[in-house]
């Protein structure tokens, strides 16, 4: 899985915004705002990665129970799906 082409992440301090670029800008239905953890997950999805690889990277980065990371990542993926931002 990976993010669809034509979106970029920009940020300042602890706040990040995913924006549509090029042709996607006219068709964008939402602006996605992210915290630092969401931005890390977004960057993981900028290149092709499996679900388990992403979970592994998240558990390496964050000191949190894997079950909690999976739940949060699943919620994040569902948000991306709802906005048509994810290629699977």
PDB file of N, CA and C in Angstrom:
ATOM      1  N   UNK A   1       0.841  -1.169   0.000  1.00  0.00           N
ATOM      2  CA  UNK A   1       0.000   0.000   0.000  1.00  0.00           C
ATOM      3  C   UNK A   1       0.886   1.232   0.000  1.00  0.00           C
ATOM      4  N   UNK A   2       0.337   2.310  -0.521  1.00  0.00           N
ATOM      5  CA  UNK A   2       1.036   3.584  -0.501  1.00  0.00           C
ATOM      6  C   UNK A   2       0.056   4.701  -0.798  1.00  0.00           C
ATOM      7  N   UNK A   3       0.475   5.916  -0.544  1.00  0.00           N
ATOM      8  CA  UNK A   3      -0.362   7.075  -0.834  1.00  0.00           C
ATOM      9  C   UNK A   3      -0.477   7.272  -2.339  1.00  0.00           C
ATOM     10  N   UNK A   4      -1.601   7.812  -2.762  1.00  0.00           N
ATOM     11  CA  UNK A   4      -1.747   8.165  -4.162  1.00  0.00           C
ATOM     12  C   UNK A   4      -0.799   9.306  -4.489  1.00  0.00           C
ATOM     13  N   UNK A   5      -0.391   9.369  -5.725  1.00  0.00           N
ATOM     14  CA  UNK A   5       0.479  10.446  -6.191  1.00  0.00           C
ATOM     15  C   UNK A   5      -0.290  11.769  -6.171  1.00  0.00           C
ATOM     16  N   UNK A   6       0.440  12.861  -6.057  1.00  0.00           N
ATOM     17  CA  UNK A   6      -0.178  14.175  -6.170  1.00  0.00           C
ATOM     18  C   UNK A   6      -0.550  14.811  -4.844  1.00  0.00           C
ATOM     19  N   UNK A   7       0.050  14.346  -3.763  1.00  0.00           N
ATOM     20  CA  UNK A   7      -0.195  14.942  -2.455  1.00  0.00           C
ATOM     21  C   UNK A   7       1.140  15.179  -1.782  1.00  0.00           C
ATOM     22  N   UNK A   8       1.219  16.230  -0.996  1.00  0.00           N
ATOM     23  CA  UNK A   8       2.451  16.531  -0.285  1.00  0.00           C
ATOM     24  C   UNK A   8       2.142  16.897   1.149  1.00  0.00           C
ATOM     25  N   UNK A   9       3.115  16.722   1.985  1.00  0.00           N
ATOM     26  CA  UNK A   9       2.995  17.031   3.400  1.00  0.00           C
ATOM     27  C   UNK A   9       3.819  18.270   3.697  1.00  0.00           C
ATOM     28  N   UNK A  10       3.226  19.211   4.369  1.00  0.00           N
ATOM     29  CA  UNK A  10       3.941  20.409   4.770  1.00  0.00           C
ATOM     30  C   UNK A  10       3.653  20.652   6.249  1.00  0.00           C
ATOM     31  N   UNK A  11       4.579  21.263   6.932  1.00  0.00           N
ATOM     32  CA  UNK A  11       4.352  21.454   8.351  1.00  0.00           C
ATOM     33  C   UNK A  11       5.176  22.560   8.954  1.00  0.00           C
ATOM     34  N   UNK A  12       4.749  22.899  10.155  1.00  0.00           N
ATOM     35  CA  UNK A  12       5.430  23.898  10.955  1.00  0.00           C
ATOM     36  C   UNK A  12       5.286  23.488  12.408  1.00  0.00           C
ATOM     37  N   UNK A  13       6.406  23.412  13.123  1.00  0.00           N
ATOM     38  CA  UNK A  13       6.417  22.983  14.528  1.00  0.00           C
ATOM     39  C   UNK A  13       5.811  21.587  14.625  1.00  0.00           C
ATOM     40  N   UNK A  14       4.738  21.423  15.379  1.00  0.00           N
ATOM     41  CA  UNK A  14       4.129  20.105  15.579  1.00  0.00           C
ATOM     42  C   UNK A  14       2.875  19.885  14.746  1.00  0.00           C
ATOM     43  N   UNK A  15       2.576  20.755  13.812  1.00  0.00           N
ATOM     44  CA  UNK A  15       1.363  20.649  12.992  1.00  0.00           C
ATOM     45  C   UNK A  15       1.740  20.402  11.536  1.00  0.00           C
ATOM     46  N   UNK A  16       1.010  19.500  10.899  1.00  0.00           N
ATOM     47  CA  UNK A  16       1.262  19.150   9.507  1.00  0.00           C
ATOM     48  C   UNK A  16      -0.047  19.159   8.741  1.00  0.00           C
ATOM     49  N   UNK A  17       0.035  19.479   7.461  1.00  0.00           N
ATOM     50  CA  UNK A  17      -1.129  19.484   6.576  1.00  0.00           C
ATOM     51  C   UNK A  17      -0.757  18.745   5.294  1.00  0.00           C
ATOM     52  N   UNK A  18      -1.622  17.832   4.876  1.00  0.00           N
ATOM     53  CA  UNK A  18      -1.450  17.142   3.599  1.00  0.00           C
ATOM     54  C   UNK A  18      -2.265  17.899   2.561  1.00  0.00           C
ATOM     55  N   UNK A  19      -1.605  18.313   1.498  1.00  0.00           N
ATOM     56  CA  UNK A  19      -2.228  19.121   0.456  1.00  0.00           C
ATOM     57  C   UNK A  19      -2.173  18.411  -0.886  1.00  0.00           C
ATOM     58  N   UNK A  20      -3.209  18.628  -1.680  1.00  0.00           N
ATOM     59  CA  UNK A  20      -3.225  18.113  -3.049  1.00  0.00           C
ATOM     60  C   UNK A  20      -2.396  19.035  -3.927  1.00  0.00           C
ATOM     61  N   UNK A  21      -1.684  18.440  -4.880  1.00  0.00           N
ATOM     62  CA  UNK A  21      -0.878  19.216  -5.819  1.00  0.00           C
ATOM     63  C   UNK A  21      -1.339  18.911  -7.242  1.00  0.00           C
ATOM     64  N   UNK A  22      -0.888  19.714  -8.175  1.00  0.00           N
ATOM     65  CA  UNK A  22      -1.158  19.502  -9.597  1.00  0.00           C
ATOM     66  C   UNK A  22      -2.643  19.302  -9.872  1.00  0.00           C
ATOM     67  N   UNK A  23      -2.984  18.281 -10.648  1.00  0.00           N
ATOM     68  CA  UNK A  23      -4.371  18.032 -11.039  1.00  0.00           C
ATOM     69  C   UNK A  23      -5.255  17.670  -9.859  1.00  0.00           C
ATOM     70  N   UNK A  24      -4.690  17.117  -8.822  1.00  0.00           N
ATOM     71  CA  UNK A  24      -5.477  16.721  -7.665  1.00  0.00           C
ATOM     72  C   UNK A  24      -6.028  17.913  -6.892  1.00  0.00           C
ATOM     73  N   UNK A  25      -5.404  19.078  -7.036  1.00  0.00           N
ATOM     74  CA  UNK A  25      -5.844  20.245  -6.283  1.00  0.00           C
ATOM     75  C   UNK A  25      -7.290  20.615  -6.607  1.00  0.00           C
ATOM     76  N   UNK A  26      -7.694  20.456  -7.855  1.00  0.00           N
ATOM     77  CA  UNK A  26      -9.066  20.778  -8.240  1.00  0.00           C
ATOM     78  C   UNK A  26     -10.065  19.750  -7.728  1.00  0.00           C
ATOM     79  N   UNK A  27      -9.621  18.528  -7.504  1.00  0.00           N
ATOM     80  CA  UNK A  27     -10.508  17.450  -7.081  1.00  0.00           C
ATOM     81  C   UNK A  27     -10.422  17.131  -5.595  1.00  0.00           C
ATOM     82  N   UNK A  28      -9.584  17.824  -4.869  1.00  0.00           N
ATOM     83  CA  UNK A  28      -9.398  17.521  -3.447  1.00  0.00           C
ATOM     84  C   UNK A  28     -10.683  17.783  -2.680  1.00  0.00           C
ATOM     85  N   UNK A  29     -11.061  16.810  -1.874  1.00  0.00           N
ATOM     86  CA  UNK A  29     -12.282  16.920  -1.092  1.00  0.00           C
ATOM     87  C   UNK A  29     -11.999  17.272   0.357  1.00  0.00           C
ATOM     88  N   UNK A  30     -10.743  17.219   0.753  1.00  0.00           N
ATOM     89  CA  UNK A  30     -10.416  17.486   2.144  1.00  0.00           C
ATOM     90  C   UNK A  30      -8.960  17.890   2.286  1.00  0.00           C
ATOM     91  N   UNK A  31      -8.710  18.628   3.327  1.00  0.00           N
ATOM     92  CA  UNK A  31      -7.351  18.897   3.754  1.00  0.00           C
ATOM     93  C   UNK A  31      -7.155  18.057   5.002  1.00  0.00           C
ATOM     94  N   UNK A  32      -6.131  17.263   5.027  1.00  0.00           N
ATOM     95  CA  UNK A  32      -5.877  16.381   6.150  1.00  0.00           C
ATOM     96  C   UNK A  32      -4.852  17.043   7.054  1.00  0.00           C
ATOM     97  N   UNK A  33      -5.211  17.244   8.321  1.00  0.00           N
ATOM     98  CA  UNK A  33      -4.266  17.784   9.291  1.00  0.00           C
ATOM     99  C   UNK A  33      -3.727  16.632  10.137  1.00  0.00           C
ATOM    100  N   UNK A  34      -2.441  16.721  10.447  1.00  0.00           N
ATOM    101  CA  UNK A  34      -1.764  15.634  11.151  1.00  0.00           C
ATOM    102  C   UNK A  34      -0.913  16.161  12.288  1.00  0.00           C
ATOM    103  N   UNK A  35      -0.741  15.329  13.294  1.00  0.00           N
ATOM    104  CA  UNK A  35       0.240  15.617  14.337  1.00  0.00           C
ATOM    105  C   UNK A  35       1.563  14.969  13.919  1.00  0.00           C
ATOM    106  N   UNK A  36       2.542  15.005  14.796  1.00  0.00           N
ATOM    107  CA  UNK A  36       3.862  14.477  14.466  1.00  0.00           C
ATOM    108  C   UNK A  36       3.815  12.971  14.157  1.00  0.00           C
ATOM    109  N   UNK A  37       3.017  12.233  14.913  1.00  0.00           N
ATOM    110  CA  UNK A  37       2.896  10.793  14.683  1.00  0.00           C
ATOM    111  C   UNK A  37       2.220  10.517  13.351  1.00  0.00           C
ATOM    112  N   UNK A  38       1.155  11.265  13.052  1.00  0.00           N
ATOM    113  CA  UNK A  38       0.475  11.119  11.769  1.00  0.00           C
ATOM    114  C   UNK A  38       1.393  11.451  10.607  1.00  0.00           C
ATOM    115  N   UNK A  39       2.230  12.455  10.783  1.00  0.00           N
ATOM    116  CA  UNK A  39       3.184  12.821   9.732  1.00  0.00           C
ATOM    117  C   UNK A  39       4.195  11.694   9.507  1.00  0.00           C
ATOM    118  N   UNK A  40       4.628  11.041  10.589  1.00  0.00           N
ATOM    119  CA  UNK A  40       5.542   9.913  10.451  1.00  0.00           C
ATOM    120  C   UNK A  40       4.870   8.788   9.663  1.00  0.00           C
ATOM    121  N   UNK A  41       3.607   8.484  10.016  1.00  0.00           N
ATOM    122  CA  UNK A  41       2.856   7.438   9.304  1.00  0.00           C
ATOM    123  C   UNK A  41       2.671   7.829   7.839  1.00  0.00           C
ATOM    124  N   UNK A  42       2.368   9.089   7.583  1.00  0.00           N
ATOM    125  CA  UNK A  42       2.207   9.578   6.207  1.00  0.00           C
ATOM    126  C   UNK A  42       3.486   9.332   5.410  1.00  0.00           C
ATOM    127  N   UNK A  43       4.624   9.673   6.004  1.00  0.00           N
ATOM    128  CA  UNK A  43       5.900   9.504   5.307  1.00  0.00           C
ATOM    129  C   UNK A  43       6.208   8.034   5.034  1.00  0.00           C
ATOM    130  N   UNK A  44       5.780   7.153   5.944  1.00  0.00           N
ATOM    131  CA  UNK A  44       5.945   5.725   5.687  1.00  0.00           C
ATOM    132  C   UNK A  44       5.205   5.306   4.419  1.00  0.00           C
ATOM    133  N   UNK A  45       4.059   5.922   4.194  1.00  0.00           N
ATOM    134  CA  UNK A  45       3.197   5.545   3.078  1.00  0.00           C
ATOM    135  C   UNK A  45       3.550   6.257   1.769  1.00  0.00           C
ATOM    136  N   UNK A  46       4.554   7.096   1.780  1.00  0.00           N
ATOM    137  CA  UNK A  46       4.962   7.774   0.548  1.00  0.00           C
ATOM    138  C   UNK A  46       5.608   6.815  -0.440  1.00  0.00           C
ATOM    139  N   UNK A  47       6.120   5.696   0.050  1.00  0.00           N
ATOM    140  CA  UNK A  47       6.635   4.644  -0.817  1.00  0.00           C
ATOM    141  C   UNK A  47       5.881   3.364  -0.480  1.00  0.00           C
ATOM    142  N   UNK A  48       5.914   2.424  -1.377  1.00  0.00           N
ATOM    143  CA  UNK A  48       5.206   1.155  -1.177  1.00  0.00           C
ATOM    144  C   UNK A  48       5.697   0.482   0.107  1.00  0.00           C
ATOM    145  N   UNK A  49       4.756   0.091   0.958  1.00  0.00           N
ATOM    146  CA  UNK A  49       5.091  -0.567   2.217  1.00  0.00           C
ATOM    147  C   UNK A  49       3.939  -1.494   2.590  1.00  0.00           C
ATOM    148  N   UNK A  50       4.266  -2.612   3.200  1.00  0.00           N
ATOM    149  CA  UNK A  50       3.201  -3.502   3.666  1.00  0.00           C
ATOM    150  C   UNK A  50       2.699  -3.007   5.016  1.00  0.00           C
ATOM    151  N   UNK A  51       1.533  -3.483   5.376  1.00  0.00           N
ATOM    152  CA  UNK A  51       0.950  -3.135   6.666  1.00  0.00           C
ATOM    153  C   UNK A  51       1.894  -3.539   7.797  1.00  0.00           C
ATOM    154  N   UNK A  52       2.393  -4.758   7.753  1.00  0.00           N
ATOM    155  CA  UNK A  52       3.266  -5.242   8.821  1.00  0.00           C
ATOM    156  C   UNK A  52       4.588  -4.481   8.877  1.00  0.00           C
ATOM    157  N   UNK A  53       5.128  -4.092   7.731  1.00  0.00           N
ATOM    158  CA  UNK A  53       6.348  -3.274   7.724  1.00  0.00           C
ATOM    159  C   UNK A  53       6.088  -1.929   8.407  1.00  0.00           C
ATOM    160  N   UNK A  54       4.950  -1.333   8.099  1.00  0.00           N
ATOM    161  CA  UNK A  54       4.604  -0.044   8.710  1.00  0.00           C
ATOM    162  C   UNK A  54       4.451  -0.183  10.221  1.00  0.00           C
ATOM    163  N   UNK A  55       3.784  -1.236  10.662  1.00  0.00           N
ATOM    164  CA  UNK A  55       3.632  -1.467  12.103  1.00  0.00           C
ATOM    165  C   UNK A  55       5.006  -1.655  12.757  1.00  0.00           C
ATOM    166  N   UNK A  56       5.873  -2.383  12.104  1.00  0.00           N
ATOM    167  CA  UNK A  56       7.226  -2.561  12.621  1.00  0.00           C
ATOM    168  C   UNK A  56       7.966  -1.251  12.788  1.00  0.00           C
ATOM    169  N   UNK A  57       7.861  -0.379  11.800  1.00  0.00           N
ATOM    170  CA  UNK A  57       8.525   0.939  11.871  1.00  0.00           C
ATOM    171  C   UNK A  57       7.922   1.800  12.973  1.00  0.00           C
ATOM    172  N   UNK A  58       6.599   1.720  13.125  1.00  0.00           N
ATOM    173  CA  UNK A  58       5.936   2.482  14.187  1.00  0.00           C
ATOM    174  C   UNK A  58       6.358   1.998  15.573  1.00  0.00           C
ATOM    175  N   UNK A  59       6.466   0.686  15.747  1.00  0.00           N
ATOM    176  CA  UNK A  59       6.866   0.157  17.051  1.00  0.00           C
ATOM    177  C   UNK A  59       8.332   0.461  17.355  1.00  0.00           C
ATOM    178  N   UNK A  60       9.159   0.563  16.315  1.00  0.00           N
ATOM    179  CA  UNK A  60      10.553   0.969  16.517  1.00  0.00           C
ATOM    180  C   UNK A  60      10.644   2.425  16.962  1.00  0.00           C
ATOM    181  N   UNK A  61       9.788   3.256  16.404  1.00  0.00           N
ATOM    182  CA  UNK A  61       9.843   4.704  16.643  1.00  0.00           C
ATOM    183  C   UNK A  61       9.191   5.108  17.967  1.00  0.00           C
ATOM    184  N   UNK A  62       8.064   4.474  18.311  1.00  0.00           N
ATOM    185  CA  UNK A  62       7.283   4.931  19.448  1.00  0.00           C
ATOM    186  C   UNK A  62       7.241   3.899  20.565  1.00  0.00           C
ATOM    187  N   UNK A  63       7.357   4.379  21.779  1.00  0.00           N
ATOM    188  CA  UNK A  63       7.293   3.540  22.964  1.00  0.00           C
ATOM    189  C   UNK A  63       5.825   3.426  23.386  1.00  0.00           C
ATOM    190  N   UNK A  64       5.118   2.558  22.688  1.00  0.00           N
ATOM    191  CA  UNK A  64       3.693   2.340  22.959  1.00  0.00           C
ATOM    192  C   UNK A  64       3.384   0.879  22.684  1.00  0.00           C
ATOM    193  N   UNK A  65       2.349   0.356  23.320  1.00  0.00           N
ATOM    194  CA  UNK A  65       1.975  -1.039  23.050  1.00  0.00           C
ATOM    195  C   UNK A  65       1.601  -1.231  21.580  1.00  0.00           C
ATOM    196  N   UNK A  66       2.040  -2.345  21.015  1.00  0.00           N
ATOM    197  CA  UNK A  66       1.770  -2.615  19.601  1.00  0.00           C
ATOM    198  C   UNK A  66       0.269  -2.602  19.316  1.00  0.00           C
ATOM    199  N   UNK A  67      -0.527  -3.111  20.229  1.00  0.00           N
ATOM    200  CA  UNK A  67      -1.981  -3.130  20.034  1.00  0.00           C
ATOM    201  C   UNK A  67      -2.535  -1.713  19.851  1.00  0.00           C
ATOM    202  N   UNK A  68      -2.045  -0.775  20.641  1.00  0.00           N
ATOM    203  CA  UNK A  68      -2.486   0.620  20.528  1.00  0.00           C
ATOM    204  C   UNK A  68      -2.023   1.232  19.209  1.00  0.00           C
ATOM    205  N   UNK A  69      -0.786   0.930  18.818  1.00  0.00           N
ATOM    206  CA  UNK A  69      -0.274   1.448  17.545  1.00  0.00           C
ATOM    207  C   UNK A  69      -1.079   0.902  16.372  1.00  0.00           C
ATOM    208  N   UNK A  70      -1.423  -0.377  16.424  1.00  0.00           N
ATOM    209  CA  UNK A  70      -2.239  -0.970  15.360  1.00  0.00           C
ATOM    210  C   UNK A  70      -3.605  -0.285  15.280  1.00  0.00           C
ATOM    211  N   UNK A  71      -4.229  -0.072  16.418  1.00  0.00           N
ATOM    212  CA  UNK A  71      -5.549   0.567  16.434  1.00  0.00           C
ATOM    213  C   UNK A  71      -5.481   1.980  15.852  1.00  0.00           C
ATOM    214  N   UNK A  72      -4.481   2.738  16.267  1.00  0.00           N
ATOM    215  CA  UNK A  72      -4.329   4.102  15.753  1.00  0.00           C
ATOM    216  C   UNK A  72      -3.998   4.110  14.266  1.00  0.00           C
ATOM    217  N   UNK A  73      -3.119   3.207  13.839  1.00  0.00           N
ATOM    218  CA  UNK A  73      -2.746   3.147  12.424  1.00  0.00           C
ATOM    219  C   UNK A  73      -3.942   2.714  11.575  1.00  0.00           C
ATOM    220  N   UNK A  74      -4.729   1.780  12.063  1.00  0.00           N
ATOM    221  CA  UNK A  74      -5.933   1.358  11.338  1.00  0.00           C
ATOM    222  C   UNK A  74      -6.901   2.526  11.168  1.00  0.00           C
ATOM    223  N   UNK A  75      -7.055   3.325  12.207  1.00  0.00           N
ATOM    224  CA  UNK A  75      -7.925   4.505  12.127  1.00  0.00           C
ATOM    225  C   UNK A  75      -7.378   5.503  11.107  1.00  0.00           C
ATOM    226  N   UNK A  76      -6.063   5.697  11.113  1.00  0.00           N
ATOM    227  CA  UNK A  76      -5.408   6.588  10.158  1.00  0.00           C
ATOM    228  C   UNK A  76      -5.632   6.100   8.721  1.00  0.00           C
ATOM    229  N   UNK A  77      -5.431   4.797   8.499  1.00  0.00           N
ATOM    230  CA  UNK A  77      -5.643   4.232   7.162  1.00  0.00           C
ATOM    231  C   UNK A  77      -7.091   4.402   6.716  1.00  0.00           C
ATOM    232  N   UNK A  78      -8.031   4.228   7.617  1.00  0.00           N
ATOM    233  CA  UNK A  78      -9.442   4.387   7.259  1.00  0.00           C
ATOM    234  C   UNK A  78      -9.744   5.829   6.854  1.00  0.00           C
ATOM    235  N   UNK A  79      -9.156   6.784   7.537  1.00  0.00           N
ATOM    236  CA  UNK A  79      -9.330   8.190   7.159  1.00  0.00           C
ATOM    237  C   UNK A  79      -8.778   8.439   5.763  1.00  0.00           C
ATOM    238  N   UNK A  80      -7.610   7.893   5.478  1.00  0.00           N
ATOM    239  CA  UNK A  80      -7.027   8.046   4.139  1.00  0.00           C
ATOM    240  C   UNK A  80      -7.925   7.410   3.084  1.00  0.00           C
ATOM    241  N   UNK A  81      -8.472   6.233   3.384  1.00  0.00           N
ATOM    242  CA  UNK A  81      -9.388   5.562   2.447  1.00  0.00           C
ATOM    243  C   UNK A  81     -10.625   6.412   2.185  1.00  0.00           C
ATOM    244  N   UNK A  82     -11.206   6.956   3.236  1.00  0.00           N
ATOM    245  CA  UNK A  82     -12.421   7.759   3.096  1.00  0.00           C
ATOM    246  C   UNK A  82     -12.202   8.961   2.190  1.00  0.00           C
ATOM    247  N   UNK A  83     -10.991   9.495   2.210  1.00  0.00           N
ATOM    248  CA  UNK A  83     -10.689  10.658   1.382  1.00  0.00           C
ATOM    249  C   UNK A  83     -10.044  10.298   0.048  1.00  0.00           C
ATOM    250  N   UNK A  84      -9.957   8.992  -0.231  1.00  0.00           N
ATOM    251  CA  UNK A  84      -9.411   8.538  -1.515  1.00  0.00           C
ATOM    252  C   UNK A  84      -7.921   8.806  -1.675  1.00  0.00           C
ATOM    253  N   UNK A  85      -7.189   8.747  -0.594  1.00  0.00           N
ATOM    254  CA  UNK A  85      -5.757   9.070  -0.640  1.00  0.00           C
ATOM    255  C   UNK A  85      -4.846   7.853  -0.651  1.00  0.00           C
ATOM    256  N   UNK A  86      -5.406   6.654  -0.571  1.00  0.00           N
ATOM    257  CA  UNK A  86      -4.590   5.458  -0.413  1.00  0.00           C
ATOM    258  C   UNK A  86      -4.756   4.509  -1.576  1.00  0.00           C
ATOM    259  N   UNK A  87      -3.628   4.046  -2.132  1.00  0.00           N
ATOM    260  CA  UNK A  87      -3.612   2.976  -3.135  1.00  0.00           C
ATOM    261  C   UNK A  87      -3.281   1.683  -2.410  1.00  0.00           C
ATOM    262  N   UNK A  88      -4.121   0.678  -2.627  1.00  0.00           N
ATOM    263  CA  UNK A  88      -3.866  -0.605  -1.946  1.00  0.00           C
ATOM    264  C   UNK A  88      -3.738  -1.717  -2.933  1.00  0.00           C
TER     265      UNK A  88
END
